Amino acid sequence: MNLEQQGRGFYVPLEMLAIARGVYLAHKEDSEKFAGLLDNGASTAYKRTSHDLARRIATKTRIIEGAEELGKAVELDSPETMETLHALFSSLLVEIPGRRNQPSWFSAHIYPFVGELIHYDAVERRIKQSDTSPKKGAKKRQQADKVAAGVSAPSIERYLFRDGGSWAYKVLRSDSDLHRKEVTRQGLRDLVQDSGTPLGNLAKALSAHDFDYDEAPVQGSDEGIKLYEDLSPWPDLLREGVRNIVARTGTVPRAKRTESLMHWVPYCLARHQLQLARRKLGATDRESILLDFGNEATPLRRESQNNLNGFRNDIVNAINIQAKEMIAEIEAEGDEVRKRRYERFTKDAGNAVVSPRAFFSETLAAVGALNATVGRRHFTMKPPMLEGLVSATVPHGTEMEFDQFCALLYEKYGLVVENKVADASPLAYEVDPSILDHNGKAFREKLAAIGLLTQYSDATSMVRGEPR
């Protein structure tokens, strides 16, 4: 699995949902209600939607597909219609923190609020004269006929999807808890199936005019992706959290469930990466992460910053050690090409190690688990990530007392937010209890502000998985 900076953050759940949606489309006509979705077979067949037309409209990219035919079909020849569609779809694009420039259409992805908006990755590629060959498929010949040879055109290919979503989908489909898996299957299907809403119908109408699409399902393979469940608890924590999130059908709107999923899935993968790195370095304990909810610089914030820097170094050091072990094995074989490839990973600088390290920190920053994408950064939880965390942690239809919730955050995820929990963590010796107590109160206020905590009395505050 490639944990590279390019596939960071929201690209992980976008890929996972694209696979799930593709499985749904591939098995849509099957008589069995949930056929295909999360099946634990050797391979996964799914159909990919590019949504290249909607993304071009969103970014005001020139539309190259048969303008006359397309204009008659969806009335895009009207400037007013085009402007309206642009306003709509540009507002639905996934925000990528730290992005400074307007993205190209293939770097712009639509937020999957309804199933019909979910799409796969795509790139701009040049159609060659050879694509018109009789040996090519009918679709390729039809595409090539629409543009002159050598002209750029959309093509469904992996670009920003780098296996993170494939890892997450494999984790879910390999769940040995069959009851949990069935609940997840039903809840996930509710998110990826056709919604039948006006927005969904519009997206479906536009996708019918995409330049590239799958006529038949493609065979996806995740055989090369290892879960390492014996070394990390995060695959199972992902399953448990996804089940809790998607099971809220009927009580939480589809958009809110999707948003929680979009934050929880990449968070789990980043923490899984860190856990495996620390195990490679010989650590046997769960890492403690200090969440800062204050509004000013304190010793707690400095410790949280040191926390983050240390974990980033752990990832680099683990890669260095693994590369040296691989080189030692290769030297006996005399393969100089492979040896030079792994030697790049023994350096503390360079893209080979910087990119995986950036995947960790930039993924956390993207989902709101860090305060910023650049500069002095520390661990925290912004409202959407906090909502995802609570939804993933508190089972559907239940609530728990605030102190119990804080204790559970430390027990399950190693998250430290207040002084009672800190007593069980090595961080208790690094931060004054009074500062941790103030941080706990700020955390309580954050939960109350987003409607996930109710104060019944001075002594009783209850946390629930969905706002009232």
Foldseek 3Di string as FASTA:
>chain_A
DDLFQLQFALNQVLALLQLQLFQCVQCVPPPDPLPQQLAQDQWHWGWFFALLVLLCLQLVNDDQFPPVVVCVQQVPVDPVVSVVSNVVQVVQWQDQAPDDDRDDSQVTAGQLLAQLRRGAGKDKDFAAPCLCPPVHDPLSNVLCVSDDHGDIFIDGDDDNNDCSSVLLSNLLSPDPPVVLSVLLSVLSCRRNPQPPDPVSVVSNSSSVRHSDIDPHIDIGGPVVPDNPVVQDVLSVLSSLLSSLLSNCPPPDRSNLSSLLNSQSSSLSVLLRLLSVLVVLVPDDDAAAAEAFLDDDDDLSQVVQLVSLVVSLVSNLVSQLVVLVVVLVVVVVVVDVVVNVVSVQSNDSDDSVSVGSSLSNLSNCQRSAQWPGSDDRIGGHHDVSNVLSVLSSQAHPPDKDWLVVVQCVCCVPRNYQQALVNCVVPPCNVRDDRVSSHVRSVSVQVSCVVVQQWDDPDPRTIMGHNDHD
